[in-house]
N, C-alpha and C. Protein backbone atom coordinates (compact mmCIF):
# COMPACT_ATOMS: atom_id res chain seq x y z
N MET A 1 -29.72 32.79 -177.96
CA MET A 1 -30.02 34.01 -177.48
C MET A 1 -30.29 33.73 -175.90
N SER A 2 -31.12 32.79 -175.30
CA SER A 2 -31.28 32.63 -174.26
C SER A 2 -30.18 32.31 -172.90
N TYR A 3 -29.03 31.88 -173.83
CA TYR A 3 -27.81 31.88 -173.13
C TYR A 3 -27.25 33.23 -172.48
N GLU A 4 -26.92 33.99 -173.38
CA GLU A 4 -26.51 35.22 -173.74
C GLU A 4 -27.33 36.23 -172.21
N MET A 5 -28.81 36.17 -172.13
CA MET A 5 -29.22 36.66 -171.06
C MET A 5 -29.06 35.92 -169.97
N GLU A 6 -28.93 34.70 -169.78
CA GLU A 6 -28.75 34.09 -168.34
C GLU A 6 -27.38 34.53 -168.15
N THR A 7 -26.35 34.39 -168.93
CA THR A 7 -25.23 34.84 -168.58
C THR A 7 -25.20 36.30 -168.00
N ASP A 8 -25.70 37.41 -168.56
CA ASP A 8 -25.90 38.55 -168.15
C ASP A 8 -26.47 38.57 -166.84
N ASN A 9 -27.44 37.86 -166.82
CA ASN A 9 -28.30 38.00 -165.41
C ASN A 9 -27.24 37.57 -164.29
N TYR A 10 -26.83 36.55 -164.46
CA TYR A 10 -25.55 36.12 -163.59
C TYR A 10 -24.63 36.99 -163.41
N SER A 11 -24.04 37.74 -164.15
CA SER A 11 -22.83 38.57 -164.40
C SER A 11 -23.56 40.07 -163.07
N SER A 12 -25.03 40.26 -163.72
CA SER A 12 -24.93 41.47 -163.03
C SER A 12 -25.48 40.96 -161.17
N TRP A 13 -26.08 39.77 -161.05
CA TRP A 13 -26.06 39.22 -159.89
C TRP A 13 -24.56 38.96 -159.04
N ALA A 14 -23.85 38.48 -159.55
CA ALA A 14 -22.14 38.50 -159.36
C ALA A 14 -21.93 39.65 -158.99
N VAL A 15 -22.16 40.94 -159.42
CA VAL A 15 -21.29 42.25 -159.49
C VAL A 15 -22.61 43.02 -158.32
N GLY A 16 -23.40 42.53 -158.05
CA GLY A 16 -24.73 42.97 -157.18
C GLY A 16 -24.20 42.50 -155.54
N TRP A 17 -23.63 41.36 -155.60
CA TRP A 17 -22.98 40.56 -154.50
C TRP A 17 -21.64 41.44 -154.29
N ALA A 18 -20.95 41.39 -154.99
CA ALA A 18 -19.62 42.05 -154.86
C ALA A 18 -19.59 43.57 -154.40
N GLY A 19 -20.75 44.51 -154.82
CA GLY A 19 -21.36 45.73 -154.10
C GLY A 19 -21.78 46.09 -153.07
N PHE A 20 -22.73 44.33 -152.73
CA PHE A 20 -22.97 44.23 -151.46
C PHE A 20 -21.82 44.27 -150.39
N ALA A 21 -20.77 43.16 -150.89
CA ALA A 21 -19.64 43.19 -150.15
C ALA A 21 -19.01 44.39 -149.98
N GLY A 22 -18.44 45.39 -150.85
CA GLY A 22 -18.16 46.58 -150.64
C GLY A 22 -18.73 47.42 -149.71
N ILE A 23 -20.17 47.58 -149.84
CA ILE A 23 -20.91 48.26 -149.02
C ILE A 23 -20.69 47.85 -147.47
N MET A 24 -20.94 46.92 -147.62
CA MET A 24 -21.03 45.99 -146.33
C MET A 24 -19.62 46.29 -145.09
N LEU A 25 -18.95 46.35 -146.03
CA LEU A 25 -17.24 46.22 -145.41
C LEU A 25 -17.29 47.61 -144.78
N ILE A 26 -17.59 48.84 -145.51
CA ILE A 26 -17.71 50.12 -145.22
C ILE A 26 -18.42 50.26 -144.14
N ILE A 27 -19.58 49.74 -144.06
CA ILE A 27 -20.87 49.91 -143.01
C ILE A 27 -20.30 49.32 -141.60
N VAL A 28 -19.69 48.34 -141.87
CA VAL A 28 -18.89 47.37 -140.46
C VAL A 28 -17.53 47.87 -139.83
N GLY A 29 -17.42 48.59 -140.92
CA GLY A 29 -15.64 49.12 -140.49
C GLY A 29 -16.27 50.67 -140.14
N VAL A 30 -17.27 51.56 -140.20
CA VAL A 30 -17.80 52.21 -139.69
C VAL A 30 -17.88 51.93 -138.36
N MET A 31 -19.11 51.04 -138.41
CA MET A 31 -19.71 50.26 -136.75
C MET A 31 -18.27 49.97 -136.01
N ASP A 32 -17.10 49.39 -136.31
CA ASP A 32 -16.13 48.78 -135.53
C ASP A 32 -15.38 50.05 -135.23
N PHE A 33 -15.51 51.20 -136.08
CA PHE A 33 -14.36 52.15 -135.55
C PHE A 33 -15.46 52.88 -134.28
N ILE A 34 -16.54 53.03 -134.62
CA ILE A 34 -17.49 53.74 -133.29
C ILE A 34 -17.43 52.87 -131.74
N GLN A 35 -17.38 51.64 -132.20
CA GLN A 35 -17.68 50.58 -130.92
C GLN A 35 -16.12 50.92 -130.54
N GLY A 36 -15.11 50.88 -130.86
CA GLY A 36 -13.56 51.07 -130.70
C GLY A 36 -13.76 52.72 -130.25
N LEU A 37 -14.13 53.52 -130.79
CA LEU A 37 -13.99 54.86 -130.12
C LEU A 37 -14.79 54.81 -128.94
N VAL A 38 -15.96 54.51 -128.88
CA VAL A 38 -16.30 54.41 -127.47
C VAL A 38 -15.92 53.95 -126.09
N ALA A 39 -15.25 52.25 -126.83
CA ALA A 39 -14.24 51.95 -125.74
C ALA A 39 -13.08 52.58 -125.24
N ILE A 40 -12.66 53.37 -126.20
CA ILE A 40 -11.60 54.23 -125.91
C ILE A 40 -11.51 55.64 -124.97
N VAL A 41 -12.80 56.49 -125.50
CA VAL A 41 -13.29 57.01 -124.53
C VAL A 41 -13.68 57.00 -123.31
N ASN A 42 -14.78 55.98 -123.17
CA ASN A 42 -15.83 55.35 -122.32
C ASN A 42 -15.31 54.09 -121.74
N ASP A 43 -14.48 54.03 -120.85
CA ASP A 43 -13.93 52.42 -121.20
C ASP A 43 -14.89 51.57 -119.96
N GLU A 44 -15.69 52.38 -119.51
CA GLU A 44 -16.72 51.91 -118.33
C GLU A 44 -18.27 51.57 -119.13
N PHE A 45 -18.13 51.92 -120.14
CA PHE A 45 -19.50 51.81 -121.32
C PHE A 45 -19.97 50.33 -121.18
N TYR A 46 -19.16 49.60 -121.41
CA TYR A 46 -19.05 48.20 -121.85
C TYR A 46 -19.33 47.50 -120.48
N VAL A 47 -20.16 46.26 -120.25
CA VAL A 47 -20.34 45.67 -118.95
C VAL A 47 -19.30 44.66 -119.43
N ILE A 48 -18.23 44.48 -118.03
CA ILE A 48 -17.29 43.46 -118.05
C ILE A 48 -17.61 42.19 -117.24
N ASP A 49 -17.52 41.28 -118.10
CA ASP A 49 -17.56 39.73 -117.28
C ASP A 49 -16.21 39.12 -117.35
N ASP A 50 -15.54 38.51 -115.81
CA ASP A 50 -14.41 37.99 -116.09
C ASP A 50 -14.34 36.25 -116.06
N ASP A 51 -15.37 35.73 -116.55
CA ASP A 51 -15.26 34.51 -116.88
C ASP A 51 -14.72 34.09 -117.99
N TRP A 52 -14.07 35.15 -119.23
CA TRP A 52 -14.02 34.63 -120.55
C TRP A 52 -12.71 34.39 -120.64
N VAL A 53 -12.26 33.60 -121.63
CA VAL A 53 -10.68 33.29 -121.96
C VAL A 53 -10.16 34.30 -122.23
N VAL A 54 -10.70 35.11 -123.33
CA VAL A 54 -9.92 36.27 -123.87
C VAL A 54 -10.03 37.62 -123.20
N LYS A 55 -9.36 38.14 -122.59
CA LYS A 55 -9.40 39.21 -121.57
C LYS A 55 -8.36 40.43 -121.36
N PHE A 56 -8.70 41.12 -122.31
CA PHE A 56 -8.26 42.56 -122.65
C PHE A 56 -8.88 43.47 -122.06
N ASP A 57 -8.07 44.47 -121.49
CA ASP A 57 -8.80 45.70 -121.17
C ASP A 57 -9.82 46.53 -122.06
N VAL A 58 -10.70 46.93 -121.79
CA VAL A 58 -11.41 47.66 -122.82
C VAL A 58 -10.91 48.50 -123.84
N THR A 59 -10.00 49.31 -123.16
CA THR A 59 -9.81 50.03 -124.06
C THR A 59 -8.55 49.58 -125.23
N THR A 60 -8.31 48.53 -124.89
CA THR A 60 -7.09 47.37 -125.82
C THR A 60 -8.26 47.26 -126.73
N TRP A 61 -9.31 46.72 -126.65
CA TRP A 61 -10.57 46.18 -127.82
C TRP A 61 -10.71 47.55 -128.32
N GLY A 62 -10.62 48.38 -127.62
CA GLY A 62 -11.29 49.82 -128.54
C GLY A 62 -10.13 50.03 -129.57
N TRP A 63 -9.06 50.20 -129.28
CA TRP A 63 -8.14 50.22 -130.25
C TRP A 63 -8.08 49.28 -131.45
N ILE A 64 -8.26 48.09 -130.95
CA ILE A 64 -8.43 46.75 -131.67
C ILE A 64 -9.36 47.10 -132.91
N HIS A 65 -10.61 47.72 -132.31
CA HIS A 65 -11.65 48.05 -133.14
C HIS A 65 -11.85 49.08 -134.15
N LEU A 66 -10.99 50.10 -133.61
CA LEU A 66 -10.65 51.23 -134.26
C LEU A 66 -9.83 51.02 -135.23
N ILE A 67 -8.64 50.46 -135.12
CA ILE A 67 -8.09 50.04 -136.42
C ILE A 67 -8.84 48.94 -137.43
N LEU A 68 -9.31 48.01 -136.62
CA LEU A 68 -9.90 47.26 -138.08
C LEU A 68 -10.72 48.24 -138.56
N GLY A 69 -11.61 48.90 -138.07
CA GLY A 69 -12.30 49.88 -138.84
C GLY A 69 -11.99 50.56 -139.98
N VAL A 70 -11.21 51.23 -139.36
CA VAL A 70 -10.29 52.13 -140.31
C VAL A 70 -10.08 50.99 -141.62
N VAL A 71 -9.32 49.82 -141.71
CA VAL A 71 -8.86 49.01 -142.67
C VAL A 71 -10.17 48.44 -143.75
N LEU A 72 -11.22 47.86 -142.66
CA LEU A 72 -12.55 47.77 -143.46
C LEU A 72 -13.13 48.62 -144.03
N VAL A 73 -12.94 49.74 -144.07
CA VAL A 73 -13.45 51.06 -144.58
C VAL A 73 -12.98 51.41 -146.09
N LEU A 74 -11.64 51.03 -145.44
CA LEU A 74 -10.38 51.35 -146.92
C LEU A 74 -10.81 50.17 -147.59
N ALA A 75 -10.41 49.38 -147.72
CA ALA A 75 -11.04 47.73 -148.01
C ALA A 75 -12.18 47.73 -148.98
N GLY A 76 -13.35 48.73 -148.37
CA GLY A 76 -14.44 48.61 -148.62
C GLY A 76 -14.67 49.29 -150.00
N PHE A 77 -13.61 50.43 -149.91
CA PHE A 77 -13.59 51.59 -151.22
C PHE A 77 -12.61 51.07 -152.17
N GLY A 78 -11.90 50.22 -151.83
CA GLY A 78 -10.95 49.41 -152.83
C GLY A 78 -11.35 48.00 -153.61
N ILE A 79 -12.63 47.57 -153.11
CA ILE A 79 -13.88 46.68 -153.63
C ILE A 79 -14.09 47.33 -154.84
N PHE A 80 -14.44 48.58 -154.82
CA PHE A 80 -14.99 49.03 -156.03
C PHE A 80 -14.00 49.57 -157.42
N THR A 81 -12.99 49.66 -156.80
CA THR A 81 -11.74 49.76 -158.22
C THR A 81 -11.61 48.31 -158.93
N GLY A 82 -12.03 47.28 -158.25
CA GLY A 82 -11.97 45.97 -158.93
C GLY A 82 -10.55 45.23 -158.35
N ASN A 83 -9.71 46.11 -157.59
CA ASN A 83 -8.53 45.52 -157.27
C ASN A 83 -8.36 44.12 -156.43
N VAL A 84 -7.64 43.62 -157.33
CA VAL A 84 -7.72 42.02 -156.28
C VAL A 84 -6.71 42.64 -154.94
N ALA A 85 -5.91 43.06 -154.81
CA ALA A 85 -5.70 43.16 -153.57
C ALA A 85 -6.47 43.83 -152.75
N ALA A 86 -7.70 44.67 -152.97
CA ALA A 86 -8.46 45.16 -152.28
C ALA A 86 -9.51 43.86 -151.89
N ARG A 87 -9.73 43.24 -152.57
CA ARG A 87 -10.37 41.90 -152.54
C ARG A 87 -9.87 41.06 -151.17
N THR A 88 -8.81 40.59 -151.74
CA THR A 88 -8.07 40.01 -150.34
C THR A 88 -8.03 40.44 -149.25
N VAL A 89 -7.36 41.73 -148.92
CA VAL A 89 -7.51 42.52 -147.87
C VAL A 89 -8.86 42.44 -147.13
N GLY A 90 -9.99 42.75 -148.08
CA GLY A 90 -11.37 42.56 -147.44
C GLY A 90 -11.61 41.58 -146.98
N VAL A 91 -11.21 39.96 -147.51
CA VAL A 91 -11.21 38.81 -147.37
C VAL A 91 -10.82 38.80 -145.79
N ILE A 92 -9.54 38.62 -145.47
CA ILE A 92 -8.62 38.78 -144.67
C ILE A 92 -9.25 39.74 -143.52
N VAL A 93 -9.57 41.15 -143.77
CA VAL A 93 -9.94 41.93 -142.23
C VAL A 93 -11.18 41.74 -141.90
N ALA A 94 -11.99 41.19 -142.85
CA ALA A 94 -13.48 41.16 -142.34
C ALA A 94 -13.43 39.59 -141.71
N GLY A 95 -12.42 38.40 -141.83
CA GLY A 95 -12.20 37.44 -141.22
C GLY A 95 -11.80 37.76 -139.69
N LEU A 96 -10.66 38.67 -139.55
CA LEU A 96 -10.23 39.36 -138.42
C LEU A 96 -11.42 40.01 -137.72
N ALA A 97 -12.06 40.41 -138.77
CA ALA A 97 -13.12 41.32 -137.64
C ALA A 97 -13.92 40.27 -137.09
N ALA A 98 -14.30 39.13 -137.59
CA ALA A 98 -15.63 38.13 -137.30
C ALA A 98 -14.66 37.49 -136.12
N ILE A 99 -13.45 37.37 -136.28
CA ILE A 99 -12.60 36.77 -134.87
C ILE A 99 -12.90 37.61 -133.61
N ALA A 100 -12.35 39.00 -133.98
CA ALA A 100 -12.16 40.28 -133.07
C ALA A 100 -13.88 40.45 -132.77
N ASN A 101 -14.64 40.26 -133.44
CA ASN A 101 -16.37 40.29 -132.51
C ASN A 101 -16.41 39.17 -131.70
N PHE A 102 -16.08 37.93 -132.29
CA PHE A 102 -15.97 36.57 -131.43
C PHE A 102 -15.70 36.67 -129.81
N ALA A 103 -14.36 37.75 -130.11
CA ALA A 103 -13.58 37.58 -128.77
C ALA A 103 -14.45 38.55 -128.04
N TRP A 104 -14.73 39.78 -128.82
CA TRP A 104 -15.97 40.95 -127.99
C TRP A 104 -17.03 40.32 -127.67
N LEU A 105 -17.40 38.97 -127.45
CA LEU A 105 -18.83 38.52 -127.26
C LEU A 105 -19.49 39.01 -125.67
N PRO A 106 -17.92 38.65 -124.82
CA PRO A 106 -18.71 39.36 -123.49
C PRO A 106 -19.11 40.66 -123.18
N TYR A 107 -18.72 41.50 -123.98
CA TYR A 107 -19.10 42.91 -123.81
C TYR A 107 -20.24 43.41 -124.36
N TYR A 108 -20.67 42.94 -125.89
CA TYR A 108 -21.63 43.50 -126.46
C TYR A 108 -21.96 42.18 -127.42
N PRO A 109 -22.90 41.06 -126.92
CA PRO A 109 -22.98 39.78 -127.52
C PRO A 109 -23.97 39.77 -128.49
N VAL A 110 -25.06 40.40 -128.58
CA VAL A 110 -25.91 40.69 -129.75
C VAL A 110 -25.41 41.67 -131.00
N TRP A 111 -24.71 42.58 -130.58
CA TRP A 111 -23.91 43.25 -131.74
C TRP A 111 -23.02 42.27 -132.29
N SER A 112 -22.11 41.83 -131.20
CA SER A 112 -21.16 40.80 -132.05
C SER A 112 -21.26 39.68 -132.93
N ILE A 113 -22.78 39.06 -132.54
CA ILE A 113 -23.10 37.98 -133.39
C ILE A 113 -23.51 38.93 -134.93
N ILE A 114 -24.45 39.65 -134.76
CA ILE A 114 -24.55 40.64 -135.83
C ILE A 114 -23.28 40.62 -136.78
N LEU A 115 -22.31 41.59 -136.33
CA LEU A 115 -21.06 41.75 -137.16
C LEU A 115 -20.95 40.62 -137.67
N ILE A 116 -20.63 39.73 -136.51
CA ILE A 116 -19.86 38.16 -137.36
C ILE A 116 -20.90 37.87 -138.54
N ALA A 117 -22.26 37.66 -138.39
CA ALA A 117 -22.61 37.22 -139.61
C ALA A 117 -22.35 38.07 -141.15
N VAL A 118 -22.63 39.38 -140.70
CA VAL A 118 -22.09 40.24 -141.54
C VAL A 118 -20.66 39.97 -142.24
N SER A 119 -19.75 39.90 -141.81
CA SER A 119 -18.48 39.45 -141.86
C SER A 119 -18.43 38.26 -142.95
N VAL A 120 -19.05 37.40 -142.20
CA VAL A 120 -19.01 36.02 -142.86
C VAL A 120 -20.08 36.14 -144.49
N ALA A 121 -20.78 36.91 -144.53
CA ALA A 121 -21.72 37.44 -145.77
C ALA A 121 -20.83 38.07 -146.74
N VAL A 122 -19.88 38.97 -145.89
CA VAL A 122 -19.10 39.96 -146.60
C VAL A 122 -17.55 38.57 -147.44
N ILE A 123 -17.29 37.48 -146.83
CA ILE A 123 -16.22 36.78 -146.91
C ILE A 123 -16.94 36.12 -148.26
N TRP A 124 -17.88 35.34 -148.26
CA TRP A 124 -18.55 34.72 -149.03
C TRP A 124 -18.74 35.84 -150.80
N ALA A 125 -19.52 36.81 -150.29
CA ALA A 125 -19.43 37.39 -151.50
C ALA A 125 -18.39 37.64 -152.49
N LEU A 126 -17.40 38.03 -151.48
CA LEU A 126 -15.86 38.42 -152.04
C LEU A 126 -15.06 37.25 -152.67
N THR A 127 -15.29 35.82 -152.01
CA THR A 127 -14.45 34.94 -152.98
C THR A 127 -15.30 34.29 -153.73
N ALA A 128 -16.68 34.58 -153.74
CA ALA A 128 -17.58 33.88 -154.97
C ALA A 128 -17.99 34.67 -156.10
N HIS A 129 -17.63 35.92 -155.87
CA HIS A 129 -18.08 37.14 -156.69
C HIS A 129 -17.49 38.12 -157.06
N GLY A 130 -16.24 38.34 -156.18
CA GLY A 130 -15.73 39.46 -155.94
C GLY A 130 -14.69 40.19 -157.46
N ARG A 131 -14.33 39.06 -158.19
CA ARG A 131 -13.95 39.15 -159.38
C ARG A 131 -14.52 40.11 -160.25
N ASP A 132 -16.06 39.59 -160.16
CA ASP A 132 -17.11 40.32 -161.19
C ASP A 132 -17.41 41.76 -161.23
N ILE A 133 -16.79 42.45 -160.32
CA ILE A 133 -17.12 43.81 -160.23
C ILE A 133 -16.04 44.61 -161.12
N ALA A 134 -14.66 44.15 -161.24
CA ALA A 134 -14.03 44.77 -162.12
C ALA A 134 -14.69 44.73 -163.43
N SER A 135 -15.27 43.87 -163.89
CA SER A 135 -15.94 44.02 -165.52
C SER A 135 -17.17 44.74 -165.61
């Protein structure tokens, strides 16, 4: 009987982490969307330093973040259906978001580090516990 309780607790934990991943994908997607929108509308909002390897125009970065944001939100909603494809897309797009925010460090360093950390947490939650939300 105690084994069943441990299994149920583990399962609810796992579902909680998968739910966390879905919600965080949606939140990070909305934040990336807003960050991209700001860069597109007002390309002088972010301070630019010329001493970085990845040099794109701020408007280009805006479009990258805007598109990533939309895909992140869609993947986040897909996580709640328990769809394997949504989990796979969620892991891939969270990885791309982490890479994009790493390259975005010169423009908004603290915010980029926060979004990288959240993306890594999402990848962990989806790979370790993603299948449990389907049940």
